[in-house]
């Protein structure tokens, strides 16, 4: 409570305390395994056409050995782990916003995937997964014959 409604310094110090507390809570969530797998990580885009789908995922700094891509029927699942940066002796985070830990994302597509033809490439922190549509699931043009 402000002792003097015109004492702006007191107002700003309260706001500063609130900001510090919010940062502390945010940092705690980053370290807590319960919050380690934040919904929507990694950020992904997906688009489809008659031949299949392409999915891209933002994974800067990821060790490719930790990535696993699996395909079953019409669903592609991406899982892996990103480790936190190791700090040197006497170092402490000033601010930490990048999440770390295990993640798992699954995408269900509107068609069956040809699992034996799936390809994945990684360039500049972006993973691109090409998911060809199963031949049996591709649209077919039906020719109409005159009787």
N, C-alpha and C. Protein backbone atom coordinates (compact mmCIF):
# COMPACT_ATOMS: atom_id res chain seq x y z
N UNK A 1 0.86 -1.18 0.00
CA UNK A 1 0.00 0.00 0.00
C UNK A 1 0.89 1.23 0.00
N UNK A 2 0.54 2.17 -0.81
CA UNK A 2 1.32 3.40 -0.90
C UNK A 2 0.97 4.33 0.26
N UNK A 3 2.01 4.83 0.91
CA UNK A 3 1.76 5.77 1.99
C UNK A 3 1.35 7.12 1.41
N UNK A 4 1.87 7.42 0.24
CA UNK A 4 1.56 8.67 -0.44
C UNK A 4 1.24 8.33 -1.89
N UNK A 5 0.02 8.60 -2.35
CA UNK A 5 -0.35 8.21 -3.71
C UNK A 5 0.53 8.89 -4.78
N UNK A 6 1.27 9.92 -4.43
CA UNK A 6 2.12 10.60 -5.40
C UNK A 6 3.58 10.17 -5.31
N UNK A 7 3.85 9.15 -4.49
CA UNK A 7 5.21 8.64 -4.33
C UNK A 7 5.47 7.58 -5.41
N UNK A 8 5.92 8.03 -6.59
CA UNK A 8 6.11 7.14 -7.73
C UNK A 8 7.25 6.16 -7.51
N UNK A 9 8.28 6.54 -6.76
CA UNK A 9 9.39 5.63 -6.49
C UNK A 9 8.89 4.38 -5.80
N UNK A 10 7.99 4.53 -4.89
CA UNK A 10 7.43 3.40 -4.18
C UNK A 10 6.65 2.50 -5.16
N UNK A 11 5.91 3.10 -6.07
CA UNK A 11 5.15 2.33 -7.08
C UNK A 11 6.08 1.54 -7.96
N UNK A 12 7.15 2.17 -8.44
CA UNK A 12 8.07 1.49 -9.34
C UNK A 12 8.85 0.40 -8.63
N UNK A 13 9.17 0.58 -7.38
CA UNK A 13 9.90 -0.49 -6.67
C UNK A 13 8.99 -1.71 -6.51
N UNK A 14 7.70 -1.49 -6.32
CA UNK A 14 6.75 -2.61 -6.24
C UNK A 14 6.66 -3.33 -7.57
N UNK A 15 6.64 -2.60 -8.66
CA UNK A 15 6.60 -3.20 -9.99
C UNK A 15 7.89 -3.98 -10.24
N UNK A 16 9.02 -3.43 -9.83
CA UNK A 16 10.30 -4.10 -10.01
C UNK A 16 10.33 -5.40 -9.20
N UNK A 17 9.81 -5.39 -7.98
CA UNK A 17 9.74 -6.63 -7.18
C UNK A 17 8.87 -7.67 -7.88
N UNK A 18 7.74 -7.24 -8.43
CA UNK A 18 6.85 -8.15 -9.15
C UNK A 18 7.56 -8.74 -10.37
N UNK A 19 8.29 -7.93 -11.12
CA UNK A 19 9.03 -8.41 -12.30
C UNK A 19 10.07 -9.46 -11.90
N UNK A 20 10.80 -9.20 -10.82
CA UNK A 20 11.81 -10.16 -10.36
C UNK A 20 11.16 -11.48 -9.94
N UNK A 21 10.04 -11.40 -9.26
CA UNK A 21 9.34 -12.60 -8.82
C UNK A 21 8.83 -13.40 -10.02
N UNK A 22 8.31 -12.72 -11.02
CA UNK A 22 7.84 -13.41 -12.24
C UNK A 22 9.00 -14.11 -12.94
N UNK A 23 10.16 -13.45 -13.01
CA UNK A 23 11.34 -14.07 -13.62
C UNK A 23 11.78 -15.29 -12.82
N UNK A 24 11.72 -15.19 -11.48
CA UNK A 24 12.10 -16.32 -10.63
C UNK A 24 11.18 -17.51 -10.87
N UNK A 25 9.89 -17.27 -10.96
CA UNK A 25 8.93 -18.35 -11.21
C UNK A 25 9.17 -18.96 -12.59
N UNK A 26 9.40 -18.11 -13.58
CA UNK A 26 9.69 -18.60 -14.93
C UNK A 26 10.94 -19.46 -14.95
N UNK A 27 11.98 -19.02 -14.28
CA UNK A 27 13.22 -19.81 -14.20
C UNK A 27 12.97 -21.14 -13.50
N UNK A 28 12.16 -21.14 -12.46
CA UNK A 28 11.84 -22.37 -11.74
C UNK A 28 11.10 -23.35 -12.65
N UNK A 29 10.18 -22.83 -13.46
CA UNK A 29 9.45 -23.69 -14.39
C UNK A 29 10.40 -24.32 -15.39
N UNK A 30 11.43 -23.58 -15.84
CA UNK A 30 12.40 -24.11 -16.78
C UNK A 30 13.18 -25.27 -16.18
N UNK A 31 13.45 -25.23 -14.89
CA UNK A 31 14.25 -26.27 -14.25
C UNK A 31 13.40 -27.44 -13.78
N UNK A 32 12.12 -27.24 -13.60
CA UNK A 32 11.23 -28.26 -13.06
C UNK A 32 10.88 -29.29 -14.14
N UNK A 33 11.13 -30.60 -13.91
CA UNK A 33 10.82 -31.61 -14.91
C UNK A 33 9.35 -31.60 -15.31
N UNK A 34 8.48 -31.18 -14.40
CA UNK A 34 7.06 -31.11 -14.72
C UNK A 34 6.81 -30.15 -15.87
N UNK A 35 7.61 -29.07 -15.94
CA UNK A 35 7.42 -28.08 -16.99
C UNK A 35 8.45 -28.22 -18.11
N UNK A 36 9.32 -29.22 -18.04
CA UNK A 36 10.41 -29.37 -19.01
C UNK A 36 9.93 -29.55 -20.43
N UNK A 37 8.81 -30.22 -20.65
CA UNK A 37 8.31 -30.46 -21.99
C UNK A 37 7.17 -29.49 -22.27
N UNK A 38 7.54 -28.28 -22.62
CA UNK A 38 6.55 -27.23 -22.84
C UNK A 38 5.75 -27.55 -24.10
N UNK A 39 4.43 -27.42 -24.02
CA UNK A 39 3.59 -27.69 -25.18
C UNK A 39 4.04 -26.86 -26.36
N UNK A 40 4.11 -27.49 -27.50
CA UNK A 40 4.48 -26.77 -28.70
C UNK A 40 5.97 -26.70 -28.94
N UNK A 41 6.77 -27.47 -28.19
CA UNK A 41 8.21 -27.50 -28.47
C UNK A 41 8.54 -28.86 -29.05
N UNK A 42 9.25 -28.89 -30.13
CA UNK A 42 9.75 -27.75 -30.88
C UNK A 42 8.66 -27.15 -31.76
N UNK A 43 8.85 -25.87 -32.12
CA UNK A 43 7.90 -25.24 -33.04
C UNK A 43 7.97 -25.97 -34.37
N UNK A 44 6.80 -26.30 -34.92
CA UNK A 44 6.76 -27.09 -36.15
C UNK A 44 5.76 -26.50 -37.14
N UNK A 45 6.09 -26.67 -38.42
CA UNK A 45 5.16 -26.33 -39.51
C UNK A 45 4.93 -27.60 -40.32
N UNK A 46 3.75 -27.75 -40.89
CA UNK A 46 3.45 -28.90 -41.74
C UNK A 46 2.59 -28.45 -42.91
N UNK A 47 2.89 -28.98 -44.08
CA UNK A 47 2.05 -28.72 -45.24
C UNK A 47 1.95 -29.99 -46.07
N UNK A 48 0.85 -30.12 -46.79
CA UNK A 48 0.59 -31.33 -47.56
C UNK A 48 0.25 -30.98 -49.01
N UNK A 49 0.41 -31.99 -49.86
CA UNK A 49 -0.05 -31.93 -51.24
C UNK A 49 -0.46 -33.34 -51.63
N UNK A 50 -0.74 -33.58 -52.91
CA UNK A 50 -1.18 -34.92 -53.32
C UNK A 50 -0.11 -35.98 -53.13
N UNK A 51 1.16 -35.57 -53.11
CA UNK A 51 2.26 -36.54 -53.00
C UNK A 51 2.65 -36.87 -51.56
N UNK A 52 2.29 -36.03 -50.60
CA UNK A 52 2.66 -36.30 -49.22
C UNK A 52 2.66 -35.05 -48.37
N UNK A 53 3.58 -35.02 -47.42
CA UNK A 53 3.66 -33.90 -46.48
C UNK A 53 5.12 -33.57 -46.21
N UNK A 54 5.35 -32.33 -45.81
CA UNK A 54 6.65 -31.89 -45.33
C UNK A 54 6.43 -31.25 -43.97
N UNK A 55 7.24 -31.66 -43.02
CA UNK A 55 7.17 -31.10 -41.67
C UNK A 55 8.55 -30.52 -41.36
N UNK A 56 8.57 -29.29 -40.84
CA UNK A 56 9.82 -28.69 -40.40
C UNK A 56 9.72 -28.43 -38.90
N UNK A 57 10.85 -28.56 -38.23
CA UNK A 57 10.90 -28.34 -36.78
C UNK A 57 12.13 -27.51 -36.45
N UNK A 58 11.95 -26.49 -35.61
CA UNK A 58 13.07 -25.66 -35.16
C UNK A 58 13.77 -26.36 -34.00
N UNK A 59 15.04 -26.76 -34.23
CA UNK A 59 15.80 -27.48 -33.22
C UNK A 59 17.23 -26.97 -33.14
N UNK A 60 17.42 -25.68 -32.83
CA UNK A 60 18.78 -25.17 -32.75
C UNK A 60 19.56 -25.81 -31.61
N UNK A 61 20.81 -26.13 -31.88
CA UNK A 61 21.68 -26.66 -30.84
C UNK A 61 21.40 -28.08 -30.43
N UNK A 62 20.57 -28.79 -31.16
CA UNK A 62 20.22 -30.16 -30.78
C UNK A 62 21.32 -31.13 -31.23
N UNK A 63 21.57 -32.15 -30.44
CA UNK A 63 22.46 -33.22 -30.83
C UNK A 63 21.64 -34.21 -31.66
N UNK A 64 21.98 -34.38 -32.94
CA UNK A 64 21.18 -35.21 -33.83
C UNK A 64 21.08 -36.66 -33.36
N UNK A 65 22.04 -37.11 -32.55
CA UNK A 65 21.98 -38.48 -32.03
C UNK A 65 20.81 -38.68 -31.08
N UNK A 66 20.25 -37.60 -30.54
CA UNK A 66 19.13 -37.73 -29.60
C UNK A 66 17.78 -37.76 -30.31
N UNK A 67 17.76 -37.46 -31.61
CA UNK A 67 16.49 -37.40 -32.34
C UNK A 67 16.01 -38.78 -32.76
N UNK A 68 14.71 -38.97 -32.66
CA UNK A 68 14.08 -40.20 -33.13
C UNK A 68 12.82 -39.82 -33.89
N UNK A 69 12.72 -40.32 -35.12
CA UNK A 69 11.54 -40.10 -35.95
C UNK A 69 10.92 -41.46 -36.19
N UNK A 70 9.65 -41.60 -35.86
CA UNK A 70 8.96 -42.86 -36.12
C UNK A 70 7.67 -42.57 -36.87
N UNK A 71 7.29 -43.54 -37.69
CA UNK A 71 6.09 -43.41 -38.51
C UNK A 71 5.26 -44.67 -38.33
N UNK A 72 3.98 -44.48 -38.08
CA UNK A 72 3.05 -45.60 -38.01
C UNK A 72 1.75 -45.17 -38.65
N UNK A 73 1.39 -45.83 -39.73
CA UNK A 73 0.13 -45.57 -40.42
C UNK A 73 0.07 -44.13 -40.91
N UNK A 74 -0.71 -43.28 -40.25
CA UNK A 74 -0.87 -41.88 -40.67
C UNK A 74 -0.25 -40.90 -39.67
N UNK A 75 0.59 -41.40 -38.76
CA UNK A 75 1.14 -40.55 -37.71
C UNK A 75 2.67 -40.57 -37.70
N UNK A 76 3.27 -39.39 -37.65
CA UNK A 76 4.71 -39.23 -37.52
C UNK A 76 4.98 -38.70 -36.12
N UNK A 77 5.94 -39.31 -35.42
CA UNK A 77 6.30 -38.87 -34.08
C UNK A 77 7.77 -38.48 -34.06
N UNK A 78 8.05 -37.31 -33.50
CA UNK A 78 9.41 -36.80 -33.34
C UNK A 78 9.69 -36.70 -31.85
N UNK A 79 10.79 -37.29 -31.42
CA UNK A 79 11.17 -37.18 -30.01
C UNK A 79 12.68 -37.00 -29.92
N UNK A 80 13.11 -36.48 -28.80
CA UNK A 80 14.53 -36.24 -28.60
C UNK A 80 14.78 -35.56 -27.28
N UNK A 81 15.96 -35.00 -27.17
CA UNK A 81 16.33 -34.32 -25.94
C UNK A 81 17.30 -33.20 -26.26
N UNK A 82 17.09 -32.07 -25.60
CA UNK A 82 18.05 -30.96 -25.69
C UNK A 82 18.62 -30.74 -24.31
N UNK A 83 19.96 -30.76 -24.24
CA UNK A 83 20.64 -30.58 -22.96
C UNK A 83 20.92 -29.10 -22.72
N UNK A 84 20.91 -28.69 -21.45
CA UNK A 84 21.23 -27.29 -21.15
C UNK A 84 22.71 -27.02 -21.36
N UNK A 85 23.04 -25.76 -21.60
CA UNK A 85 24.45 -25.38 -21.72
C UNK A 85 25.12 -25.61 -20.38
N UNK A 86 26.34 -26.10 -20.42
CA UNK A 86 27.08 -26.30 -19.19
C UNK A 86 27.76 -25.00 -18.81
N UNK A 87 27.59 -24.59 -17.56
CA UNK A 87 28.19 -23.37 -17.07
C UNK A 87 29.55 -23.68 -16.46
N UNK A 88 30.45 -22.74 -16.63
CA UNK A 88 31.77 -22.87 -16.03
C UNK A 88 31.73 -22.53 -14.55
N UNK A 89 32.82 -22.79 -13.88
CA UNK A 89 32.90 -22.50 -12.46
C UNK A 89 32.73 -21.01 -12.23
N UNK A 90 31.90 -20.65 -11.28
CA UNK A 90 31.66 -19.25 -10.95
C UNK A 90 30.63 -18.58 -11.86
N UNK A 91 30.10 -19.32 -12.85
CA UNK A 91 29.10 -18.74 -13.74
C UNK A 91 27.69 -19.07 -13.24
N UNK A 92 26.76 -18.17 -13.48
CA UNK A 92 25.36 -18.39 -13.13
C UNK A 92 24.51 -17.74 -14.20
N UNK A 93 23.35 -18.30 -14.43
CA UNK A 93 22.45 -17.71 -15.42
C UNK A 93 21.99 -16.34 -14.95
N UNK A 94 22.01 -15.39 -15.84
CA UNK A 94 21.39 -14.09 -15.60
C UNK A 94 19.93 -14.18 -16.05
N UNK A 95 19.72 -14.88 -17.15
CA UNK A 95 18.37 -15.10 -17.68
C UNK A 95 18.42 -16.38 -18.51
N UNK A 96 17.42 -17.22 -18.37
CA UNK A 96 17.37 -18.45 -19.15
C UNK A 96 15.96 -18.61 -19.69
N UNK A 97 15.83 -18.56 -21.02
CA UNK A 97 14.52 -18.68 -21.66
C UNK A 97 14.40 -19.92 -22.52
N UNK A 98 15.55 -20.47 -22.97
CA UNK A 98 15.51 -21.66 -23.82
C UNK A 98 15.25 -22.88 -22.97
N UNK A 99 14.25 -23.66 -23.35
CA UNK A 99 13.92 -24.86 -22.59
C UNK A 99 14.89 -25.98 -22.93
N UNK A 100 14.94 -26.95 -22.06
CA UNK A 100 15.76 -28.13 -22.29
C UNK A 100 15.04 -29.32 -21.70
N UNK A 101 15.52 -30.49 -22.04
CA UNK A 101 14.91 -31.72 -21.54
C UNK A 101 14.37 -32.54 -22.70
N UNK A 102 13.63 -33.57 -22.36
CA UNK A 102 13.06 -34.45 -23.37
C UNK A 102 11.81 -33.83 -23.96
N UNK A 103 11.57 -34.14 -25.24
CA UNK A 103 10.36 -33.68 -25.90
C UNK A 103 9.81 -34.79 -26.78
N UNK A 104 8.53 -34.66 -27.11
CA UNK A 104 7.86 -35.63 -27.99
C UNK A 104 6.68 -34.92 -28.63
N UNK A 105 6.66 -34.92 -29.95
CA UNK A 105 5.54 -34.34 -30.70
C UNK A 105 5.05 -35.35 -31.72
N UNK A 106 3.76 -35.46 -31.89
CA UNK A 106 3.17 -36.38 -32.87
C UNK A 106 2.26 -35.58 -33.79
N UNK A 107 2.34 -35.89 -35.07
CA UNK A 107 1.48 -35.28 -36.07
C UNK A 107 0.69 -36.37 -36.76
N UNK A 108 -0.63 -36.21 -36.77
CA UNK A 108 -1.48 -37.13 -37.53
C UNK A 108 -1.82 -36.45 -38.85
N UNK A 109 -1.58 -37.16 -39.94
CA UNK A 109 -1.83 -36.62 -41.27
C UNK A 109 -3.13 -37.19 -41.82
N UNK A 110 -3.71 -36.55 -42.83
CA UNK A 110 -4.99 -37.02 -43.38
C UNK A 110 -4.81 -38.16 -44.39
N UNK A 111 -3.67 -38.87 -44.34
CA UNK A 111 -3.43 -39.99 -45.26
C UNK A 111 -2.37 -40.91 -44.66
N UNK A 112 -2.27 -42.12 -45.22
CA UNK A 112 -1.27 -43.09 -44.80
C UNK A 112 0.10 -42.67 -45.34
N UNK A 113 1.16 -42.93 -44.58
CA UNK A 113 2.52 -42.53 -44.95
C UNK A 113 3.28 -43.76 -45.44
N UNK A 114 4.07 -43.58 -46.51
CA UNK A 114 4.97 -44.62 -47.01
C UNK A 114 6.23 -44.59 -46.14
N UNK A 115 6.22 -45.33 -45.05
CA UNK A 115 7.29 -45.25 -44.05
C UNK A 115 8.67 -45.57 -44.63
N UNK A 116 8.74 -46.42 -45.62
CA UNK A 116 10.03 -46.81 -46.19
C UNK A 116 10.66 -45.73 -47.07
N UNK A 117 9.91 -44.66 -47.35
CA UNK A 117 10.44 -43.59 -48.20
C UNK A 117 10.57 -42.25 -47.45
N UNK A 118 10.39 -42.24 -46.14
CA UNK A 118 10.53 -41.02 -45.34
C UNK A 118 11.99 -40.58 -45.34
N UNK A 119 12.21 -39.27 -45.49
CA UNK A 119 13.56 -38.72 -45.46
C UNK A 119 13.60 -37.55 -44.49
N UNK A 120 14.77 -37.34 -43.87
CA UNK A 120 14.94 -36.23 -42.93
C UNK A 120 16.30 -35.58 -43.17
N UNK A 121 16.32 -34.23 -43.18
CA UNK A 121 17.57 -33.47 -43.30
C UNK A 121 17.57 -32.39 -42.23
N UNK A 122 18.78 -31.98 -41.85
CA UNK A 122 18.95 -30.96 -40.80
C UNK A 122 19.90 -29.90 -41.33
N UNK A 123 19.45 -28.64 -41.35
CA UNK A 123 20.28 -27.56 -41.85
C UNK A 123 19.98 -26.28 -41.08
N UNK A 124 21.02 -25.66 -40.56
CA UNK A 124 20.91 -24.37 -39.85
C UNK A 124 19.87 -24.40 -38.74
N UNK A 125 19.81 -25.49 -37.99
CA UNK A 125 18.92 -25.57 -36.85
C UNK A 125 17.49 -25.97 -37.17
N UNK A 126 17.21 -26.30 -38.46
CA UNK A 126 15.86 -26.69 -38.85
C UNK A 126 15.88 -28.12 -39.39
N UNK A 127 15.05 -28.97 -38.80
CA UNK A 127 14.88 -30.34 -39.27
C UNK A 127 13.74 -30.36 -40.28
N UNK A 128 13.97 -30.97 -41.44
CA UNK A 128 12.90 -31.11 -42.43
C UNK A 128 12.65 -32.59 -42.66
N UNK A 129 11.39 -33.00 -42.51
CA UNK A 129 10.99 -34.39 -42.67
C UNK A 129 10.04 -34.46 -43.85
N UNK A 130 10.40 -35.27 -44.85
CA UNK A 130 9.55 -35.46 -46.03
C UNK A 130 8.82 -36.79 -45.85
N UNK A 131 7.49 -36.72 -45.86
CA UNK A 131 6.64 -37.89 -45.60
C UNK A 131 5.81 -38.19 -46.85
N UNK A 132 6.30 -39.11 -47.71
CA UNK A 132 5.55 -39.43 -48.92
C UNK A 132 4.24 -40.16 -48.59
N UNK A 133 3.25 -39.86 -49.36
CA UNK A 133 1.95 -40.51 -49.21
C UNK A 133 2.05 -41.94 -49.74
N UNK A 134 1.45 -42.87 -49.03
CA UNK A 134 1.41 -44.26 -49.49
C UNK A 134 0.68 -44.33 -50.82
N UNK A 135 1.22 -45.13 -51.75
CA UNK A 135 0.62 -45.23 -53.10
C UNK A 135 -0.85 -45.62 -53.02
N UNK A 136 -1.18 -46.55 -52.14
CA UNK A 136 -2.57 -47.01 -52.02
C UNK A 136 -3.50 -45.91 -51.52
N UNK A 137 -2.93 -44.87 -50.93
CA UNK A 137 -3.75 -43.80 -50.36
C UNK A 137 -3.80 -42.55 -51.24
N UNK A 138 -3.05 -42.56 -52.37
CA UNK A 138 -3.05 -41.39 -53.26
C UNK A 138 -4.36 -41.32 -54.02
N UNK A 139 -4.82 -40.10 -54.28
CA UNK A 139 -6.04 -39.96 -55.08
C UNK A 139 -5.83 -40.53 -56.48
N UNK A 140 -6.83 -41.18 -56.99
CA UNK A 140 -6.74 -41.76 -58.33
C UNK A 140 -7.79 -41.12 -59.23
N UNK A 141 -7.38 -40.87 -60.45
CA UNK A 141 -8.32 -40.34 -61.44
C UNK A 141 -9.02 -41.53 -62.08
N UNK A 142 -10.32 -41.50 -62.05
CA UNK A 142 -11.12 -42.58 -62.62
C UNK A 142 -11.65 -42.13 -63.98
N UNK A 143 -11.32 -42.94 -65.00
CA UNK A 143 -11.76 -42.59 -66.33
C UNK A 143 -13.16 -43.19 -66.56
N UNK A 144 -14.03 -42.36 -67.06
CA UNK A 144 -15.40 -42.78 -67.32
C UNK A 144 -15.49 -43.29 -68.77
N UNK A 145 -16.03 -44.51 -68.96
CA UNK A 145 -16.17 -45.07 -70.31
C UNK A 145 -17.61 -44.92 -70.75
N UNK A 146 -17.73 -44.67 -72.03
CA UNK A 146 -19.08 -44.60 -72.61
C UNK A 146 -19.61 -46.01 -72.77
N UNK A 147 -20.94 -46.18 -72.57
CA UNK A 147 -21.52 -47.51 -72.71
C UNK A 147 -22.09 -47.74 -74.07
